[in-house]
Protein backbone atom coordinates (compact mmCIF):
# COMPACT_ATOMS: atom_id res chain seq x y z
CA MET A 1 -13.48 8.68 6.26
CA ASN A 2 -14.56 12.27 6.31
CA ILE A 3 -17.36 13.53 8.54
CA GLU A 4 -18.82 16.99 7.96
CA GLN A 5 -21.07 18.59 10.56
CA ILE A 6 -23.77 20.35 8.55
CA ARG A 7 -26.34 21.57 11.09
CA ASN A 8 -28.24 19.99 13.98
CA ALA A 9 -27.89 16.20 13.51
CA THR A 10 -27.30 16.51 9.77
CA LEU A 11 -23.99 14.99 8.71
CA VAL A 12 -22.27 14.19 5.45
CA VAL A 13 -20.27 11.01 5.94
CA GLU A 14 -17.83 9.90 3.27
CA TYR A 15 -16.98 6.31 4.11
CA ALA A 16 -15.25 3.65 2.01
CA GLY A 17 -15.75 5.71 -1.12
CA LYS A 18 -19.47 6.32 -0.59
CA LYS A 19 -21.23 9.54 0.41
CA PHE A 20 -23.97 9.27 3.03
CA LEU A 21 -26.29 12.01 4.22
CA VAL A 22 -27.53 11.46 7.78
CA ASP A 23 -30.73 13.05 9.16
CA PRO A 24 -31.30 15.78 6.56
CA PHE A 25 -32.76 18.99 8.05
CA LEU A 26 -32.40 21.36 5.13
CA ALA A 27 -34.85 24.25 5.48
CA GLU A 28 -33.78 27.86 5.54
CA LYS A 29 -33.25 29.51 8.92
CA GLY A 30 -36.54 30.34 10.65
CA THR A 31 -38.83 28.21 8.47
CA TYR A 32 -40.66 26.23 11.18
CA PRO A 33 -42.34 27.22 14.45
CA PRO A 34 -40.47 26.60 17.71
CA PHE A 35 -40.95 23.21 19.35
CA PRO A 36 -43.63 23.84 22.01
CA ASN A 37 -43.33 23.67 25.80
CA SER A 38 -39.63 24.53 25.67
CA LEU A 39 -37.17 27.41 25.71
CA ARG A 40 -36.95 30.19 23.10
CA GLN A 41 -40.58 30.31 22.04
CA ASP A 42 -39.76 33.50 20.15
CA GLN A 43 -37.25 31.74 17.87
CA TYR A 44 -38.23 29.80 14.75
CA ASN A 45 -36.40 26.68 13.58
CA PRO A 46 -33.79 26.13 12.36
CA LEU A 47 -32.06 28.75 14.50
CA VAL A 48 -29.10 28.98 12.12
CA SER A 49 -28.53 28.86 8.37
CA LEU A 50 -26.95 25.98 6.51
CA PRO A 51 -23.17 26.42 6.25
CA THR A 52 -23.16 25.46 2.57
CA SER A 53 -25.62 25.13 -0.30
CA ILE A 54 -28.12 22.31 -0.51
CA ASP A 55 -26.57 21.42 -3.87
CA ASN A 56 -23.20 20.84 -2.18
CA ILE A 57 -24.86 18.66 0.44
CA ILE A 58 -26.84 16.41 -1.88
CA ASN A 59 -24.46 16.35 -4.87
CA ASN A 60 -23.16 12.84 -5.66
CA LEU A 61 -24.99 11.24 -2.74
CA ASP A 62 -24.99 7.46 -2.57
CA ALA A 63 -27.45 6.97 0.30
CA VAL A 64 -29.44 8.73 3.03
CA ILE A 65 -29.86 7.46 6.60
CA VAL A 66 -32.84 8.75 8.57
CA THR A 67 -32.59 7.66 12.21
CA HIS A 68 -36.19 8.75 12.90
CA LEU A 69 -38.77 11.06 11.39
CA HIS A 70 -38.81 14.05 13.73
CA LEU A 71 -38.86 17.31 11.77
CA ASP A 72 -35.31 18.26 12.76
CA HIS A 73 -34.01 14.99 11.28
CA PHE A 74 -36.09 14.72 8.10
CA ASP A 75 -37.93 17.85 7.08
CA ASP A 76 -40.17 19.00 4.25
CA VAL A 77 -37.28 20.50 2.31
CA ALA A 78 -35.36 17.21 2.46
CA LYS A 79 -38.44 15.43 1.13
CA GLU A 80 -38.62 17.92 -1.71
CA VAL A 81 -34.99 18.17 -2.82
CA LEU A 82 -33.63 14.64 -2.38
CA PRO A 83 -33.79 12.47 -5.50
CA LYS A 84 -36.76 10.13 -5.23
CA ASP A 85 -34.65 7.18 -6.39
CA ILE A 86 -31.89 7.70 -3.80
CA LYS A 87 -31.23 4.81 -1.43
CA MET A 88 -33.00 5.60 1.86
CA PHE A 89 -32.27 3.68 5.08
CA VAL A 90 -34.79 3.94 7.95
CA GLN A 91 -35.27 2.30 11.35
CA ASN A 92 -38.51 0.33 10.91
CA GLU A 93 -41.42 -0.48 8.60
CA GLU A 94 -43.56 2.35 10.00
CA ASP A 95 -40.93 4.90 9.02
CA ALA A 96 -40.41 3.15 5.68
CA THR A 97 -44.11 3.54 4.89
CA GLU A 98 -44.00 7.26 5.64
CA VAL A 99 -40.87 7.78 3.55
CA ARG A 100 -42.40 5.85 0.65
CA ASN A 101 -45.53 7.96 0.98
CA ALA A 102 -43.28 11.00 0.52
CA GLY A 103 -42.38 9.60 -2.91
CA PHE A 104 -39.15 7.74 -2.25
CA GLN A 105 -38.88 4.49 -4.17
CA ASN A 106 -35.73 2.82 -2.80
CA VAL A 107 -36.35 2.51 0.94
CA GLU A 108 -34.76 -0.18 3.14
CA VAL A 109 -35.18 -0.90 6.83
CA LEU A 110 -31.84 -1.13 8.62
CA GLN A 111 -31.14 -4.46 10.28
CA GLY A 112 -28.35 -5.94 12.35
CA ASP A 113 -26.50 -7.01 9.21
CA THR A 114 -27.44 -4.61 6.43
CA VAL A 115 -24.86 -4.33 3.64
CA PHE A 116 -24.69 -1.40 1.23
CA GLU A 117 -22.14 -1.93 -1.52
CA ASP A 118 -19.40 -3.46 0.68
CA ILE A 119 -20.15 -1.39 3.79
CA LYS A 120 -21.84 -3.10 6.72
CA LEU A 121 -24.50 -0.97 8.42
CA THR A 122 -25.72 -2.16 11.81
CA LYS A 123 -28.83 -0.61 13.32
CA THR A 124 -28.39 0.22 17.00
CA LYS A 125 -30.85 0.97 19.77
CA GLY A 126 -31.44 4.38 21.30
CA GLU A 127 -33.68 5.94 23.92
CA HIS A 128 -34.89 9.47 23.11
CA GLY A 129 -35.04 10.50 26.78
CA ARG A 130 -35.72 8.82 30.09
CA GLY A 131 -38.92 7.68 31.76
CA GLU A 132 -42.33 9.03 30.77
CA ILE A 133 -41.00 11.32 28.04
CA LEU A 134 -40.15 8.24 25.94
CA LYS A 135 -43.85 7.70 25.19
CA LEU A 136 -43.94 11.14 23.60
CA ALA A 137 -40.52 11.02 21.97
CA GLY A 138 -41.00 7.75 20.09
CA LEU A 139 -38.61 5.22 18.61
CA VAL A 140 -35.15 6.11 17.35
CA CYS A 141 -32.04 4.31 16.17
CA GLY A 142 -28.36 4.78 15.53
CA VAL A 143 -26.03 3.02 13.09
CA VAL A 144 -22.56 1.48 13.09
CA PHE A 145 -20.49 1.62 9.87
CA ASN A 146 -17.95 -1.13 9.21
CA HIS A 147 -15.54 -1.65 6.32
CA PRO A 148 -12.15 -3.42 6.21
CA ASN A 149 -10.41 -0.27 4.96
CA GLU A 150 -12.00 2.14 7.44
CA LYS A 151 -12.18 2.71 11.16
CA THR A 152 -15.44 1.71 12.79
CA LEU A 153 -17.91 4.59 13.04
CA TYR A 154 -20.86 4.73 15.46
CA VAL A 155 -23.49 7.40 14.85
CA ALA A 156 -25.55 7.14 18.04
CA GLY A 157 -28.56 9.22 16.99
CA ASP A 158 -31.03 10.88 19.34
CA THR A 159 -30.30 8.93 22.49
CA VAL A 160 -29.28 9.56 26.06
CA TRP A 161 -26.54 7.50 27.68
CA TYR A 162 -27.89 4.15 28.87
CA GLU A 163 -26.88 0.49 28.86
CA ALA A 164 -27.57 -0.14 25.16
CA VAL A 165 -25.07 2.55 24.17
CA GLN A 166 -22.51 0.87 26.41
CA GLU A 167 -23.32 -2.45 24.71
CA VAL A 168 -22.75 -0.99 21.24
CA ILE A 169 -19.37 0.35 22.33
CA ASP A 170 -18.42 -2.96 23.97
CA THR A 171 -19.53 -4.99 20.94
CA HIS A 172 -18.27 -2.90 18.03
CA LYS A 173 -15.38 -1.01 19.65
CA PRO A 174 -15.91 2.07 17.47
CA GLU A 175 -12.93 4.33 16.95
CA ILE A 176 -15.13 7.26 15.91
CA ILE A 177 -18.41 8.08 17.71
CA VAL A 178 -20.90 10.82 16.85
CA VAL A 179 -23.25 11.76 19.69
CA ASN A 180 -26.17 14.18 19.68
CA ALA A 181 -25.20 16.36 22.59
CA GLY A 182 -27.35 19.49 22.83
CA ASP A 183 -29.18 18.24 25.95
CA ASN A 184 -32.42 19.23 24.22
CA GLN A 185 -35.40 19.32 26.58
CA PHE A 186 -38.99 20.35 26.99
CA LEU A 187 -39.91 22.31 30.10
CA GLU A 188 -40.70 19.00 31.81
CA GLY A 189 -39.36 15.50 31.35
CA GLY A 190 -35.60 15.93 31.32
CA SER A 191 -32.99 15.33 28.63
CA LEU A 192 -34.07 14.05 25.21
CA VAL A 193 -30.50 13.57 23.97
CA MET A 194 -27.08 13.54 25.59
CA GLY A 195 -25.88 16.29 27.89
CA LYS A 196 -22.34 16.84 29.09
CA ASP A 197 -22.45 14.06 31.72
CA ASP A 198 -23.69 11.61 29.07
CA VAL A 199 -20.82 12.63 26.80
CA TYR A 200 -18.41 11.96 29.66
CA GLU A 201 -19.92 8.47 30.08
CA VAL A 202 -19.29 7.81 26.38
CA TYR A 203 -15.69 8.93 26.84
CA LYS A 204 -15.25 6.60 29.83
CA ALA A 205 -16.68 3.71 27.83
CA ALA A 206 -14.47 4.46 24.81
CA PRO A 207 -11.43 6.41 26.08
CA ASN A 208 -9.45 5.81 22.89
CA ALA A 209 -12.19 6.91 20.51
CA LYS A 210 -12.68 10.30 18.92
CA ILE A 211 -16.12 11.60 19.96
CA ILE A 212 -17.88 14.23 17.84
CA ALA A 213 -20.62 16.29 19.51
CA SER A 214 -23.41 16.99 17.02
CA HIS A 215 -27.01 18.32 17.30
CA MET A 216 -26.10 21.54 19.10
CA GLU A 217 -27.60 25.06 19.11
CA ALA A 218 -29.72 24.52 15.98
CA VAL A 219 -33.28 24.10 17.30
CA ASN A 220 -35.01 26.11 19.99
CA HIS A 221 -35.10 23.51 22.78
CA TRP A 222 -31.35 23.09 23.20
CA THR A 223 -29.98 23.60 26.72
CA LEU A 224 -26.24 22.78 26.36
CA SER A 225 -24.13 25.24 24.39
CA LYS A 226 -20.98 24.40 22.48
CA GLU A 227 -19.01 26.73 24.74
CA GLU A 228 -20.29 25.06 27.91
CA LEU A 229 -19.43 21.63 26.55
CA LYS A 230 -15.97 22.83 25.55
CA ARG A 231 -15.38 24.18 29.06
CA PHE A 232 -16.58 20.91 30.57
CA ILE A 233 -14.31 18.71 28.48
CA TYR A 234 -11.39 21.05 29.13
CA VAL A 235 -11.88 20.71 32.90
CA LYS A 236 -12.15 16.93 32.50
CA GLY A 237 -8.95 16.89 30.46
CA ILE A 238 -10.54 15.24 27.44
CA SER A 239 -10.48 18.05 24.87
CA SER A 240 -8.34 15.94 22.55
CA ASN A 241 -10.92 13.14 22.68
CA VAL A 242 -14.17 15.10 22.34
CA LEU A 243 -14.55 17.32 19.29
CA VAL A 244 -17.16 20.09 19.23
CA PRO A 245 -17.46 21.19 15.59
CA ASP A 246 -18.87 24.37 14.19
CA ASP A 247 -21.42 23.91 11.43
CA GLY A 248 -19.51 23.30 8.20
CA GLU A 249 -16.48 21.87 10.00
CA SER A 250 -15.22 18.46 8.95
CA TYR A 251 -12.84 15.82 10.22
CA THR A 252 -10.84 13.17 8.38
CA PHE A 253 -9.92 9.95 10.17
């Protein structure tokens, strides 16, 4: 497989001969207002440009996976540029309705045993924060990719570390794990996605896996920088296990 970090949580995953686009956030730098009640109210989203052209990202796509419908995972530009007949996987019927209303004709809700071509896609649980903030943050999911000729890949989505993430690791034993690790927050309510301690918990649960830290430094409410995470994993002695890619960087496993 090949996993390319595009920007924020947007990934291009080439897996068992198929090309997947995960959580497309494709607008030009500075298109959208900052998320409110958070840091950097003077900075418009996305904070950074795409590392490659949209054409390169969407060329020869086989399917798109949208873990949830927040702007920084499925934006207006994605709705505009993606082919309306492309296979779209979403987390539930509510999201499917919204995606169909955006003009997409081939929308499927991920299940525990979804099969696309000969790739098994398993929807996983996530919690987009802890406590009261969950009511505001809404439902999210992740996905596990399985194929006999590939290592098992777990894209955790917008979740903090909690028992369901441990259960996914225990059940599927993924060799590659992508976590959203920018420790994004509002001014109140705590972490919405993983911070450095959450990443360390993932490492402890899957010490033989390669962990890719995505969703960093691309929208205004991030609080964990790539450099701080790199320092943390260096001190912990796990720099060979936890990969912190630049936008446009890719890994082959």
